[in-house]
Amino acid sequence: MSISDKIEKLLLKVEIGKPLGRKEIIDLLRMPGDFAQDLFVTADRIRQREIGDEIFLRGIIEFSNYCECNCLYCGLRKSNNKLHRYRMTDDEIINTAQEIKKLRLTTVVLQSGEDSFYSTDRICRLIEQIKKETGLIITLSIGEKSTTDFQSFLQSGANRYLLKQETVSPELYKYLRPGCQLDKRIQCLRSLKLLGFETGTGNMVGLPGQTLEILADDLLFMKQLDADMLGIGPFIAHPDTPLAGIENDDVELTLRVLALARILTLNTNIPATTALTALHPQGRILALQAGANVVMPDFTPENYKIHYEIYPGRTDAGSAAEIISKLEKDFRSIGRTVLYSPGNRPGK
């Protein structure tokens, strides 16, 4: 059987709803570049069939860039003494949430490093105040917490939680996240699902030491978890981390992983990440044409946004209103529209 026949057979298999095995996923990750567009088109058709053409917007507030972890890939790492640190006040966070509400977005994402300065009680008060004053759907992305903490966040009004696993390879995880345990992170994800959060996870593509087999295992983990949101983006080396200078410009592999995530999970919410735009000027559009259906514009005030440097080159230019206007124009250019609704995963 020729390569083209083999790939055509695999893509037909997913079109009619048959599951892919690990070897088949690896084959699609490895296939010659000439066939990648066929994979993207297939994923895009599945996206359209399962969740429609609308794109959901989530407004991000990066309220603290302090972090107690020392991940080798992240500019926020504790040992990065070159980074100017900040913590937004509660009033600044509330005011930014109100701005998100005024622009008709329905979801706010509260994101930070793993910063214990913000106690569970303080986060709960913040959730309650945002809920009371804006009615927004609240997503938290604040790292690993105890099941009791997760329960408190849920009872205070949080709806969603994003905790990327980054990789399910125990060896790679241990290397990239010194002092952190993959088992603990996975247990956090399972606890979030059991509590009833819409739960998000995801990985980075292009990490040093990563193989196609590891990427296939990441994808199978996302499917097995039955995650509701999947954040998939490229590894980009930050100059002030131990991985500085390691190049990764493989946008296509990231898009393949994203497309396969759509094919495997069908109706999950998958963002077109800002990191793709940092590598390719049309990165966001390419992701939306390969299965993505969510965009997360950054509403962090400019004086703080410039210091939330997980990786370099990550910010959208202009005011929040200008960014939304540009996004709407970009979406129309590919026949897609913004849907200003909560954007829950179908069936949730």
C-alpha atoms as a PDB file:
ATOM      1  CA  MET A   1       0.000   0.000   0.000  1.00  0.00           C
ATOM      2  CA  SER A   2       1.365   3.438  -0.958  1.00  0.00           C
ATOM      3  CA  ILE A   3       1.821   6.205   1.638  1.00  0.00           C
ATOM      4  CA  SER A   4      -1.018   8.220   0.104  1.00  0.00           C
ATOM      5  CA  ASP A   5      -3.376   5.214   0.194  1.00  0.00           C
ATOM      6  CA  LYS A   6      -2.446   4.505   3.819  1.00  0.00           C
ATOM      7  CA  ILE A   7      -3.095   8.106   4.901  1.00  0.00           C
ATOM      8  CA  GLU A   8      -6.325   8.285   2.923  1.00  0.00           C
ATOM      9  CA  LYS A   9      -7.491   5.115   4.657  1.00  0.00           C
ATOM     10  CA  LEU A  10      -6.637   6.517   8.107  1.00  0.00           C
ATOM     11  CA  LEU A  11      -8.434   9.808   7.422  1.00  0.00           C
ATOM     12  CA  LEU A  12     -11.479   7.977   6.093  1.00  0.00           C
ATOM     13  CA  LYS A  13     -11.458   5.903   9.270  1.00  0.00           C
ATOM     14  CA  VAL A  14     -11.720   8.998  11.470  1.00  0.00           C
ATOM     15  CA  GLU A  15     -14.351  10.605   9.212  1.00  0.00           C
ATOM     16  CA  ILE A  16     -16.692   7.679   9.859  1.00  0.00           C
ATOM     17  CA  GLY A  17     -16.046   7.818  13.590  1.00  0.00           C
ATOM     18  CA  LYS A  18     -13.683   4.899  14.166  1.00  0.00           C
ATOM     19  CA  PRO A  19     -11.023   5.421  16.874  1.00  0.00           C
ATOM     20  CA  LEU A  20      -7.332   5.697  16.082  1.00  0.00           C
ATOM     21  CA  GLY A  21      -4.769   3.502  17.824  1.00  0.00           C
ATOM     22  CA  ARG A  22      -1.407   4.705  19.120  1.00  0.00           C
ATOM     23  CA  LYS A  23       0.519   3.479  16.052  1.00  0.00           C
ATOM     24  CA  GLU A  24      -1.960   5.181  13.718  1.00  0.00           C
ATOM     25  CA  ILE A  25      -1.584   8.461  15.608  1.00  0.00           C
ATOM     26  CA  ILE A  26       2.207   8.191  15.284  1.00  0.00           C
ATOM     27  CA  ASP A  27       1.841   7.467  11.554  1.00  0.00           C
ATOM     28  CA  LEU A  28      -0.185  10.665  11.094  1.00  0.00           C
ATOM     29  CA  LEU A  29       2.327  12.697  13.116  1.00  0.00           C
ATOM     30  CA  ARG A  30       5.149  11.262  11.007  1.00  0.00           C
ATOM     31  CA  MET A  31       3.560  11.415   7.534  1.00  0.00           C
ATOM     32  CA  PRO A  32       5.234  13.463   4.759  1.00  0.00           C
ATOM     33  CA  GLY A  33       4.408  17.180   4.791  1.00  0.00           C
ATOM     34  CA  ASP A  34       2.595  16.931   1.453  1.00  0.00           C
ATOM     35  CA  PHE A  35      -0.292  15.198   3.231  1.00  0.00           C
ATOM     36  CA  ALA A  36      -0.563  17.463   6.300  1.00  0.00           C
ATOM     37  CA  GLN A  37      -3.213  19.671   4.706  1.00  0.00           C
ATOM     38  CA  ASP A  38      -5.479  16.633   4.290  1.00  0.00           C
ATOM     39  CA  LEU A  39      -5.232  16.045   8.048  1.00  0.00           C
ATOM     40  CA  PHE A  40      -6.078  19.687   8.799  1.00  0.00           C
ATOM     41  CA  VAL A  41      -9.078  19.664   6.445  1.00  0.00           C
ATOM     42  CA  THR A  42     -10.386  16.484   8.056  1.00  0.00           C
ATOM     43  CA  ALA A  43     -10.036  17.961  11.556  1.00  0.00           C
ATOM     44  CA  ASP A  44     -11.718  21.168  10.409  1.00  0.00           C
ATOM     45  CA  ARG A  45     -14.687  19.217   9.015  1.00  0.00           C
ATOM     46  CA  ILE A  46     -15.047  17.354  12.307  1.00  0.00           C
ATOM     47  CA  ARG A  47     -14.888  20.676  14.189  1.00  0.00           C
ATOM     48  CA  GLN A  48     -17.636  22.099  11.986  1.00  0.00           C
ATOM     49  CA  ARG A  49     -19.801  19.003  12.357  1.00  0.00           C
ATOM     50  CA  GLU A  50     -19.399  18.717  16.136  1.00  0.00           C
ATOM     51  CA  ILE A  51     -19.436  22.343  17.324  1.00  0.00           C
ATOM     52  CA  GLY A  52     -20.179  24.620  14.365  1.00  0.00           C
ATOM     53  CA  ASP A  53     -18.398  27.618  12.855  1.00  0.00           C
ATOM     54  CA  GLU A  54     -18.572  30.005  15.792  1.00  0.00           C
ATOM     55  CA  ILE A  55     -15.438  31.002  17.679  1.00  0.00           C
ATOM     56  CA  PHE A  56     -15.592  31.537  21.426  1.00  0.00           C
ATOM     57  CA  LEU A  57     -13.584  34.340  23.034  1.00  0.00           C
ATOM     58  CA  ARG A  58     -12.163  34.109  26.569  1.00  0.00           C
ATOM     59  CA  GLY A  59     -10.607  37.179  28.180  1.00  0.00           C
ATOM     60  CA  ILE A  60      -7.375  36.507  30.057  1.00  0.00           C
ATOM     61  CA  ILE A  61      -6.174  38.424  33.124  1.00  0.00           C
ATOM     62  CA  GLU A  62      -2.599  37.500  34.120  1.00  0.00           C
ATOM     63  CA  PHE A  63      -2.781  38.820  37.655  1.00  0.00           C
ATOM     64  CA  SER A  64       0.605  37.680  39.034  1.00  0.00           C
ATOM     65  CA  ASN A  65       3.895  36.666  37.433  1.00  0.00           C
ATOM     66  CA  TYR A  66       5.393  35.361  40.673  1.00  0.00           C
ATOM     67  CA  CYS A  67       5.983  31.605  40.598  1.00  0.00           C
ATOM     68  CA  GLU A  68       7.351  29.140  43.120  1.00  0.00           C
ATOM     69  CA  CYS A  69       8.226  26.552  40.440  1.00  0.00           C
ATOM     70  CA  ASN A  70      11.475  26.361  38.500  1.00  0.00           C
ATOM     71  CA  CYS A  71      10.335  24.865  35.197  1.00  0.00           C
ATOM     72  CA  LEU A  72      13.174  24.873  32.691  1.00  0.00           C
ATOM     73  CA  TYR A  73      11.021  26.248  29.840  1.00  0.00           C
ATOM     74  CA  CYS A  74       9.170  29.114  31.524  1.00  0.00           C
ATOM     75  CA  GLY A  75      10.244  32.742  31.808  1.00  0.00           C
ATOM     76  CA  LEU A  76       8.276  33.081  35.070  1.00  0.00           C
ATOM     77  CA  ARG A  77      10.483  30.471  36.767  1.00  0.00           C
ATOM     78  CA  LYS A  78      11.473  31.299  40.336  1.00  0.00           C
ATOM     79  CA  SER A  79      15.191  31.540  39.494  1.00  0.00           C
ATOM     80  CA  ASN A  80      14.734  34.129  36.733  1.00  0.00           C
ATOM     81  CA  ASN A  81      16.116  37.177  38.524  1.00  0.00           C
ATOM     82  CA  LYS A  82      15.895  39.334  35.388  1.00  0.00           C
ATOM     83  CA  LEU A  83      12.101  39.380  35.393  1.00  0.00           C
ATOM     84  CA  HIS A  84      10.290  42.374  36.879  1.00  0.00           C
ATOM     85  CA  ARG A  85       7.693  40.803  39.200  1.00  0.00           C
ATOM     86  CA  TYR A  86       4.198  42.124  39.808  1.00  0.00           C
ATOM     87  CA  ARG A  87       0.916  41.316  41.515  1.00  0.00           C
ATOM     88  CA  MET A  88      -2.273  43.080  40.478  1.00  0.00           C
ATOM     89  CA  THR A  89      -4.474  44.445  43.249  1.00  0.00           C
ATOM     90  CA  ASP A  90      -7.976  43.053  43.726  1.00  0.00           C
ATOM     91  CA  ASP A  91      -9.444  46.319  42.430  1.00  0.00           C
ATOM     92  CA  GLU A  92      -7.297  46.147  39.281  1.00  0.00           C
ATOM     93  CA  ILE A  93      -8.442  42.582  38.654  1.00  0.00           C
ATOM     94  CA  ILE A  94     -12.121  43.484  39.174  1.00  0.00           C
ATOM     95  CA  ASN A  95     -11.842  46.552  36.914  1.00  0.00           C
ATOM     96  CA  THR A  96     -10.253  44.452  34.165  1.00  0.00           C
ATOM     97  CA  ALA A  97     -13.025  41.857  34.489  1.00  0.00           C
ATOM     98  CA  GLN A  98     -15.560  44.652  34.084  1.00  0.00           C
ATOM     99  CA  GLU A  99     -13.784  45.742  30.882  1.00  0.00           C
ATOM    100  CA  ILE A 100     -14.069  42.185  29.560  1.00  0.00           C
ATOM    101  CA  LYS A 101     -17.799  42.264  30.342  1.00  0.00           C
ATOM    102  CA  LYS A 102     -18.250  45.603  28.519  1.00  0.00           C
ATOM    103  CA  LEU A 103     -16.768  44.086  25.355  1.00  0.00           C
ATOM    104  CA  ARG A 104     -19.468  41.353  25.493  1.00  0.00           C
ATOM    105  CA  LEU A 105     -17.136  38.471  26.309  1.00  0.00           C
ATOM    106  CA  THR A 106     -18.710  35.984  28.688  1.00  0.00           C
ATOM    107  CA  THR A 107     -15.647  34.243  30.156  1.00  0.00           C
ATOM    108  CA  VAL A 108     -12.707  35.553  32.162  1.00  0.00           C
ATOM    109  CA  VAL A 109      -9.569  33.464  32.662  1.00  0.00           C
ATOM    110  CA  LEU A 110      -7.692  34.298  35.872  1.00  0.00           C
ATOM    111  CA  GLN A 111      -4.122  33.150  35.291  1.00  0.00           C
ATOM    112  CA  SER A 112      -0.936  33.395  37.329  1.00  0.00           C
ATOM    113  CA  GLY A 113       2.234  31.610  38.270  1.00  0.00           C
ATOM    114  CA  GLU A 114       2.001  29.231  41.218  1.00  0.00           C
ATOM    115  CA  ASP A 115       1.899  32.052  43.756  1.00  0.00           C
ATOM    116  CA  SER A 116       0.829  31.152  47.317  1.00  0.00           C
ATOM    117  CA  PHE A 117       0.611  34.878  48.165  1.00  0.00           C
ATOM    118  CA  TYR A 118      -2.958  34.509  46.886  1.00  0.00           C
ATOM    119  CA  SER A 119      -4.467  32.297  49.577  1.00  0.00           C
ATOM    120  CA  THR A 120      -7.476  30.099  48.894  1.00  0.00           C
ATOM    121  CA  ASP A 121      -9.691  32.522  50.844  1.00  0.00           C
ATOM    122  CA  ARG A 122      -8.452  35.468  48.798  1.00  0.00           C
ATOM    123  CA  ILE A 123      -9.033  33.667  45.494  1.00  0.00           C
ATOM    124  CA  CYS A 124     -12.530  32.706  46.687  1.00  0.00           C
ATOM    125  CA  ARG A 125     -13.349  36.314  47.589  1.00  0.00           C
ATOM    126  CA  LEU A 126     -12.099  37.406  44.176  1.00  0.00           C
ATOM    127  CA  ILE A 127     -14.258  34.804  42.431  1.00  0.00           C
ATOM    128  CA  GLU A 128     -17.317  35.868  44.436  1.00  0.00           C
ATOM    129  CA  GLN A 129     -16.775  39.560  43.693  1.00  0.00           C
ATOM    130  CA  ILE A 130     -16.241  39.032  39.950  1.00  0.00           C
ATOM    131  CA  LYS A 131     -19.330  36.825  39.818  1.00  0.00           C
ATOM    132  CA  LYS A 132     -21.407  39.367  41.713  1.00  0.00           C
ATOM    133  CA  GLU A 133     -20.294  42.388  39.670  1.00  0.00           C
ATOM    134  CA  THR A 134     -20.049  40.874  36.177  1.00  0.00           C
ATOM    135  CA  GLY A 135     -21.762  37.468  36.062  1.00  0.00           C
ATOM    136  CA  LEU A 136     -18.870  36.198  33.931  1.00  0.00           C
ATOM    137  CA  ILE A 137     -17.996  32.524  33.586  1.00  0.00           C
ATOM    138  CA  ILE A 138     -14.751  32.124  35.567  1.00  0.00           C
ATOM    139  CA  THR A 139     -11.835  29.936  34.508  1.00  0.00           C
ATOM    140  CA  LEU A 140      -8.903  29.536  36.884  1.00  0.00           C
ATOM    141  CA  SER A 141      -5.366  28.743  35.732  1.00  0.00           C
ATOM    142  CA  ILE A 142      -3.346  29.006  38.932  1.00  0.00           C
ATOM    143  CA  GLY A 143      -1.567  25.668  39.224  1.00  0.00           C
ATOM    144  CA  GLU A 144      -1.801  22.629  41.454  1.00  0.00           C
ATOM    145  CA  LYS A 145      -3.999  22.879  44.541  1.00  0.00           C
ATOM    146  CA  SER A 146      -5.561  20.441  47.000  1.00  0.00           C
ATOM    147  CA  THR A 147      -8.955  18.861  46.333  1.00  0.00           C
ATOM    148  CA  THR A 148     -10.310  20.921  49.243  1.00  0.00           C
ATOM    149  CA  ASP A 149      -9.077  24.111  47.559  1.00  0.00           C
ATOM    150  CA  PHE A 150     -10.644  23.103  44.244  1.00  0.00           C
ATOM    151  CA  GLN A 151     -13.924  22.467  46.036  1.00  0.00           C
ATOM    152  CA  SER A 152     -13.784  25.911  47.670  1.00  0.00           C
ATOM    153  CA  PHE A 153     -13.188  27.571  44.283  1.00  0.00           C
ATOM    154  CA  LEU A 154     -16.163  25.698  42.825  1.00  0.00           C
ATOM    155  CA  GLN A 155     -18.447  26.655  45.711  1.00  0.00           C
ATOM    156  CA  SER A 156     -17.393  30.307  45.333  1.00  0.00           C
ATOM    157  CA  GLY A 157     -18.511  30.338  41.700  1.00  0.00           C
ATOM    158  CA  ALA A 158     -15.579  29.201  39.546  1.00  0.00           C
ATOM    159  CA  ASN A 159     -16.715  27.160  36.546  1.00  0.00           C
ATOM    160  CA  ARG A 160     -13.591  25.960  34.749  1.00  0.00           C
ATOM    161  CA  TYR A 161     -10.007  25.080  35.566  1.00  0.00           C
ATOM    162  CA  LEU A 162      -7.044  24.886  33.214  1.00  0.00           C
ATOM    163  CA  LEU A 163      -4.023  22.802  34.272  1.00  0.00           C
ATOM    164  CA  LYS A 164      -1.822  21.706  31.375  1.00  0.00           C
ATOM    165  CA  GLN A 165       0.017  18.445  31.883  1.00  0.00           C
ATOM    166  CA  GLU A 166       2.687  19.645  29.362  1.00  0.00           C
ATOM    167  CA  THR A 167       3.895  16.048  28.813  1.00  0.00           C
ATOM    168  CA  VAL A 168       2.884  12.606  30.106  1.00  0.00           C
ATOM    169  CA  SER A 169       6.431  11.269  29.816  1.00  0.00           C
ATOM    170  CA  PRO A 170       7.568  10.808  33.451  1.00  0.00           C
ATOM    171  CA  GLU A 171      11.239  11.245  32.469  1.00  0.00           C
ATOM    172  CA  LEU A 172      10.654  14.397  30.424  1.00  0.00           C
ATOM    173  CA  TYR A 173       8.319  15.859  33.057  1.00  0.00           C
ATOM    174  CA  LYS A 174      10.878  15.277  35.814  1.00  0.00           C
ATOM    175  CA  TYR A 175      13.595  16.933  33.710  1.00  0.00           C
ATOM    176  CA  LEU A 176      11.508  19.955  32.683  1.00  0.00           C
ATOM    177  CA  ARG A 177       9.787  20.566  36.038  1.00  0.00           C
ATOM    178  CA  PRO A 178      12.374  19.959  38.808  1.00  0.00           C
ATOM    179  CA  GLY A 179      10.772  19.058  42.125  1.00  0.00           C
ATOM    180  CA  CYS A 180       7.341  18.496  40.572  1.00  0.00           C
ATOM    181  CA  GLN A 181       5.525  15.182  40.231  1.00  0.00           C
ATOM    182  CA  LEU A 182       3.577  14.094  37.152  1.00  0.00           C
ATOM    183  CA  ASP A 183       1.401  11.767  39.266  1.00  0.00           C
ATOM    184  CA  LYS A 184       0.324  14.684  41.447  1.00  0.00           C
ATOM    185  CA  ARG A 185      -0.604  16.794  38.433  1.00  0.00           C
ATOM    186  CA  ILE A 186      -2.641  14.008  36.892  1.00  0.00           C
ATOM    187  CA  GLN A 187      -4.387  13.447  40.223  1.00  0.00           C
ATOM    188  CA  CYS A 188      -5.284  17.165  40.297  1.00  0.00           C
ATOM    189  CA  LEU A 189      -6.841  16.833  36.838  1.00  0.00           C
ATOM    190  CA  ARG A 190      -8.854  13.785  37.880  1.00  0.00           C
ATOM    191  CA  SER A 191     -10.055  15.590  41.032  1.00  0.00           C
ATOM    192  CA  LEU A 192     -11.183  18.587  38.962  1.00  0.00           C
ATOM    193  CA  LYS A 193     -13.174  16.317  36.650  1.00  0.00           C
ATOM    194  CA  LEU A 194     -14.793  14.471  39.573  1.00  0.00           C
ATOM    195  CA  LEU A 195     -15.776  17.749  41.261  1.00  0.00           C
ATOM    196  CA  GLY A 196     -17.578  18.871  38.114  1.00  0.00           C
ATOM    197  CA  PHE A 197     -15.270  21.569  36.754  1.00  0.00           C
ATOM    198  CA  GLU A 198     -15.035  21.975  33.019  1.00  0.00           C
ATOM    199  CA  THR A 199     -11.439  20.799  33.011  1.00  0.00           C
ATOM    200  CA  GLY A 200      -8.687  21.884  30.661  1.00  0.00           C
ATOM    201  CA  THR A 201      -5.279  20.370  30.063  1.00  0.00           C
ATOM    202  CA  GLY A 202      -2.795  20.349  27.192  1.00  0.00           C
ATOM    203  CA  ASN A 203       0.801  20.029  26.118  1.00  0.00           C
ATOM    204  CA  MET A 204       3.733  21.736  24.442  1.00  0.00           C
ATOM    205  CA  VAL A 205       5.036  20.548  21.097  1.00  0.00           C
ATOM    206  CA  GLY A 206       8.736  20.640  20.216  1.00  0.00           C
ATOM    207  CA  LEU A 207      10.187  20.176  23.689  1.00  0.00           C
ATOM    208  CA  PRO A 208      13.804  18.969  23.784  1.00  0.00           C
ATOM    209  CA  GLY A 209      13.783  15.196  24.199  1.00  0.00           C
ATOM    210  CA  GLN A 210      10.198  14.862  23.022  1.00  0.00           C
ATOM    211  CA  THR A 211       9.387  12.120  20.497  1.00  0.00           C
ATOM    212  CA  LEU A 212       6.369  11.404  18.296  1.00  0.00           C
ATOM    213  CA  GLU A 213       5.615   8.478  20.583  1.00  0.00           C
ATOM    214  CA  ILE A 214       5.463  10.846  23.576  1.00  0.00           C
ATOM    215  CA  LEU A 215       3.146  13.183  21.639  1.00  0.00           C
ATOM    216  CA  ALA A 216       0.874  10.235  20.803  1.00  0.00           C
ATOM    217  CA  ASP A 217       0.741   9.351  24.517  1.00  0.00           C
ATOM    218  CA  ASP A 218      -0.151  12.982  25.334  1.00  0.00           C
ATOM    219  CA  LEU A 219      -3.052  12.824  22.894  1.00  0.00           C
ATOM    220  CA  LEU A 220      -4.309   9.510  24.236  1.00  0.00           C
ATOM    221  CA  PHE A 221      -4.126  10.893  27.792  1.00  0.00           C
ATOM    222  CA  MET A 222      -6.236  13.919  26.799  1.00  0.00           C
ATOM    223  CA  LYS A 223      -8.832  11.603  25.276  1.00  0.00           C
ATOM    224  CA  GLN A 224      -8.815   9.221  28.254  1.00  0.00           C
ATOM    225  CA  LEU A 225      -9.224  12.126  30.709  1.00  0.00           C
ATOM    226  CA  ASP A 226     -12.200  13.327  28.644  1.00  0.00           C
ATOM    227  CA  ALA A 227     -10.860  16.866  28.988  1.00  0.00           C
ATOM    228  CA  ASP A 228     -13.253  19.698  28.136  1.00  0.00           C
ATOM    229  CA  MET A 229     -10.554  22.152  27.000  1.00  0.00           C
ATOM    230  CA  LEU A 230      -7.193  21.475  25.367  1.00  0.00           C
ATOM    231  CA  GLY A 231      -4.378  24.027  25.188  1.00  0.00           C
ATOM    232  CA  ILE A 232      -1.830  22.875  22.613  1.00  0.00           C
ATOM    233  CA  GLY A 233       1.027  25.163  21.651  1.00  0.00           C
ATOM    234  CA  PRO A 234       4.630  25.136  20.500  1.00  0.00           C
ATOM    235  CA  PHE A 235       7.609  25.193  22.842  1.00  0.00           C
ATOM    236  CA  ILE A 236       9.358  28.565  22.519  1.00  0.00           C
ATOM    237  CA  ALA A 237      12.678  28.965  24.347  1.00  0.00           C
ATOM    238  CA  HIS A 238      12.832  31.961  26.693  1.00  0.00           C
ATOM    239  CA  PRO A 239      16.279  33.616  26.701  1.00  0.00           C
ATOM    240  CA  ASP A 240      16.413  33.734  30.514  1.00  0.00           C
ATOM    241  CA  THR A 241      15.861  30.011  31.091  1.00  0.00           C
ATOM    242  CA  PRO A 242      18.174  26.955  30.968  1.00  0.00           C
ATOM    243  CA  LEU A 243      16.654  26.019  27.591  1.00  0.00           C
ATOM    244  CA  ALA A 244      17.677  29.331  25.989  1.00  0.00           C
ATOM    245  CA  GLY A 245      18.888  28.972  22.421  1.00  0.00           C
ATOM    246  CA  ILE A 246      17.029  25.743  21.642  1.00  0.00           C
ATOM    247  CA  GLU A 247      15.240  26.408  18.362  1.00  0.00           C
ATOM    248  CA  ASN A 248      11.730  25.226  17.570  1.00  0.00           C
ATOM    249  CA  ASP A 249      10.065  26.572  14.457  1.00  0.00           C
ATOM    250  CA  ASP A 250       7.969  23.476  13.669  1.00  0.00           C
ATOM    251  CA  VAL A 251       4.558  25.124  13.445  1.00  0.00           C
ATOM    252  CA  GLU A 252       3.282  22.251  11.320  1.00  0.00           C
ATOM    253  CA  LEU A 253       3.901  19.608  13.987  1.00  0.00           C
ATOM    254  CA  THR A 254       1.975  21.697  16.529  1.00  0.00           C
ATOM    255  CA  LEU A 255      -0.897  21.956  14.043  1.00  0.00           C
ATOM    256  CA  ARG A 256      -0.806  18.184  13.495  1.00  0.00           C
ATOM    257  CA  VAL A 257      -1.092  17.569  17.248  1.00  0.00           C
ATOM    258  CA  LEU A 258      -3.946  20.091  17.472  1.00  0.00           C
ATOM    259  CA  ALA A 259      -5.747  18.499  14.501  1.00  0.00           C
ATOM    260  CA  LEU A 260      -5.390  15.032  16.019  1.00  0.00           C
ATOM    261  CA  ALA A 261      -6.704  16.345  19.348  1.00  0.00           C
ATOM    262  CA  ARG A 262      -9.825  17.499  17.510  1.00  0.00           C
ATOM    263  CA  ILE A 263     -10.157  14.164  15.712  1.00  0.00           C
ATOM    264  CA  LEU A 264      -9.732  12.152  18.935  1.00  0.00           C
ATOM    265  CA  THR A 265     -11.888  14.275  21.254  1.00  0.00           C
ATOM    266  CA  LEU A 266     -14.510  15.569  18.779  1.00  0.00           C
ATOM    267  CA  ASN A 267     -16.295  18.336  20.714  1.00  0.00           C
ATOM    268  CA  THR A 268     -13.697  19.734  23.117  1.00  0.00           C
ATOM    269  CA  ASN A 269     -12.945  23.456  23.177  1.00  0.00           C
ATOM    270  CA  ILE A 270      -9.488  23.957  21.649  1.00  0.00           C
ATOM    271  CA  PRO A 271      -7.841  27.410  21.629  1.00  0.00           C
ATOM    272  CA  ALA A 272      -5.737  28.767  18.807  1.00  0.00           C
ATOM    273  CA  THR A 273      -2.877  29.739  21.118  1.00  0.00           C
ATOM    274  CA  THR A 274      -0.989  33.009  21.048  1.00  0.00           C
ATOM    275  CA  ALA A 275       2.281  31.038  21.022  1.00  0.00           C
ATOM    276  CA  LEU A 276       1.569  29.940  17.446  1.00  0.00           C
ATOM    277  CA  THR A 277       1.344  33.598  16.408  1.00  0.00           C
ATOM    278  CA  ALA A 278       4.748  34.192  17.981  1.00  0.00           C
ATOM    279  CA  LEU A 279       6.207  31.634  15.547  1.00  0.00           C
ATOM    280  CA  HIS A 280       4.090  32.428  12.476  1.00  0.00           C
ATOM    281  CA  PRO A 281       2.176  35.643  11.645  1.00  0.00           C
ATOM    282  CA  GLN A 282      -0.853  33.578  10.587  1.00  0.00           C
ATOM    283  CA  GLY A 283      -0.444  30.993  13.352  1.00  0.00           C
ATOM    284  CA  ARG A 284      -3.813  31.689  14.947  1.00  0.00           C
ATOM    285  CA  ILE A 285      -5.680  31.450  11.631  1.00  0.00           C
ATOM    286  CA  LEU A 286      -3.846  28.231  10.709  1.00  0.00           C
ATOM    287  CA  ALA A 287      -4.903  26.706  14.045  1.00  0.00           C
ATOM    288  CA  LEU A 288      -8.523  27.743  13.499  1.00  0.00           C
ATOM    289  CA  GLN A 289      -8.380  25.970  10.122  1.00  0.00           C
ATOM    290  CA  ALA A 290      -6.951  22.816  11.707  1.00  0.00           C
ATOM    291  CA  GLY A 291      -9.628  22.223  14.341  1.00  0.00           C
ATOM    292  CA  ALA A 292      -9.412  25.061  16.905  1.00  0.00           C
ATOM    293  CA  ASN A 293     -12.540  26.972  17.971  1.00  0.00           C
ATOM    294  CA  VAL A 294     -11.446  29.278  20.830  1.00  0.00           C
ATOM    295  CA  VAL A 295      -9.319  32.437  20.980  1.00  0.00           C
ATOM    296  CA  MET A 296      -8.119  33.948  24.266  1.00  0.00           C
ATOM    297  CA  PRO A 297      -7.241  37.643  23.935  1.00  0.00           C
ATOM    298  CA  ASP A 298      -5.125  39.096  26.729  1.00  0.00           C
ATOM    299  CA  PHE A 299      -6.801  41.856  28.753  1.00  0.00           C
ATOM    300  CA  THR A 300      -3.993  42.239  31.297  1.00  0.00           C
ATOM    301  CA  PRO A 301      -3.205  45.965  31.687  1.00  0.00           C
ATOM    302  CA  GLU A 302      -0.268  46.902  29.442  1.00  0.00           C
ATOM    303  CA  ASN A 303       2.033  47.900  32.308  1.00  0.00           C
ATOM    304  CA  TYR A 304       1.772  44.326  33.638  1.00  0.00           C
ATOM    305  CA  LYS A 305       1.296  42.404  30.381  1.00  0.00           C
ATOM    306  CA  ILE A 306       4.821  43.137  29.170  1.00  0.00           C
ATOM    307  CA  HIS A 307       6.213  41.355  32.254  1.00  0.00           C
ATOM    308  CA  TYR A 308       4.175  38.127  31.924  1.00  0.00           C
ATOM    309  CA  GLU A 309       6.932  36.559  29.849  1.00  0.00           C
ATOM    310  CA  ILE A 310       6.344  32.827  29.753  1.00  0.00           C
ATOM    311  CA  TYR A 311       7.987  32.998  26.317  1.00  0.00           C
ATOM    312  CA  PRO A 312       9.105  35.978  24.196  1.00  0.00           C
ATOM    313  CA  GLY A 313       7.017  37.730  21.546  1.00  0.00           C
ATOM    314  CA  ARG A 314       3.625  36.841  22.947  1.00  0.00           C
ATOM    315  CA  THR A 315       1.481  39.977  23.175  1.00  0.00           C
ATOM    316  CA  ASP A 316      -1.201  41.360  20.867  1.00  0.00           C
ATOM    317  CA  ALA A 317      -0.754  45.056  20.082  1.00  0.00           C
ATOM    318  CA  GLY A 318      -3.390  47.709  20.716  1.00  0.00           C
ATOM    319  CA  SER A 319      -6.241  48.289  23.150  1.00  0.00           C
ATOM    320  CA  ALA A 320      -8.619  45.483  24.079  1.00  0.00           C
ATOM    321  CA  ALA A 321     -11.331  46.910  21.803  1.00  0.00           C
ATOM    322  CA  GLU A 322      -8.869  47.156  18.891  1.00  0.00           C
ATOM    323  CA  ILE A 323      -7.705  43.585  19.440  1.00  0.00           C
ATOM    324  CA  ILE A 324     -11.302  42.283  19.423  1.00  0.00           C
ATOM    325  CA  SER A 325     -12.083  44.257  16.261  1.00  0.00           C
ATOM    326  CA  LYS A 326      -9.029  42.833  14.487  1.00  0.00           C
ATOM    327  CA  LEU A 327      -9.880  39.306  15.597  1.00  0.00           C
ATOM    328  CA  GLU A 328     -13.435  39.620  14.258  1.00  0.00           C
ATOM    329  CA  LYS A 329     -12.031  40.771  10.909  1.00  0.00           C
ATOM    330  CA  ASP A 330      -9.577  37.860  10.810  1.00  0.00           C
ATOM    331  CA  PHE A 331     -12.361  35.393  11.597  1.00  0.00           C
ATOM    332  CA  ARG A 332     -14.596  36.744   8.828  1.00  0.00           C
ATOM    333  CA  SER A 333     -11.740  36.247   6.359  1.00  0.00           C
ATOM    334  CA  ILE A 334     -12.018  32.465   6.872  1.00  0.00           C
ATOM    335  CA  GLY A 335     -15.812  32.357   7.050  1.00  0.00           C
ATOM    336  CA  ARG A 336     -16.048  32.184  10.845  1.00  0.00           C
ATOM    337  CA  THR A 337     -17.825  34.422  13.342  1.00  0.00           C
ATOM    338  CA  VAL A 338     -17.584  35.212  17.052  1.00  0.00           C
ATOM    339  CA  LEU A 339     -20.295  33.776  19.266  1.00  0.00           C
ATOM    340  CA  TYR A 340     -20.668  35.883  22.405  1.00  0.00           C
ATOM    341  CA  SER A 341     -21.995  33.065  24.573  1.00  0.00           C
ATOM    342  CA  PRO A 342     -20.548  31.028  27.474  1.00  0.00           C
ATOM    343  CA  GLY A 343     -19.184  28.499  24.973  1.00  0.00           C
ATOM    344  CA  ASN A 344     -19.572  25.437  27.151  1.00  0.00           C
ATOM    345  CA  ARG A 345     -18.468  22.126  25.722  1.00  0.00           C
ATOM    346  CA  PRO A 346     -21.581  20.532  24.138  1.00  0.00           C
ATOM    347  CA  GLY A 347     -23.374  18.406  26.686  1.00  0.00           C
ATOM    348  CA  LYS A 348     -21.886  20.278  29.656  1.00  0.00           C
END
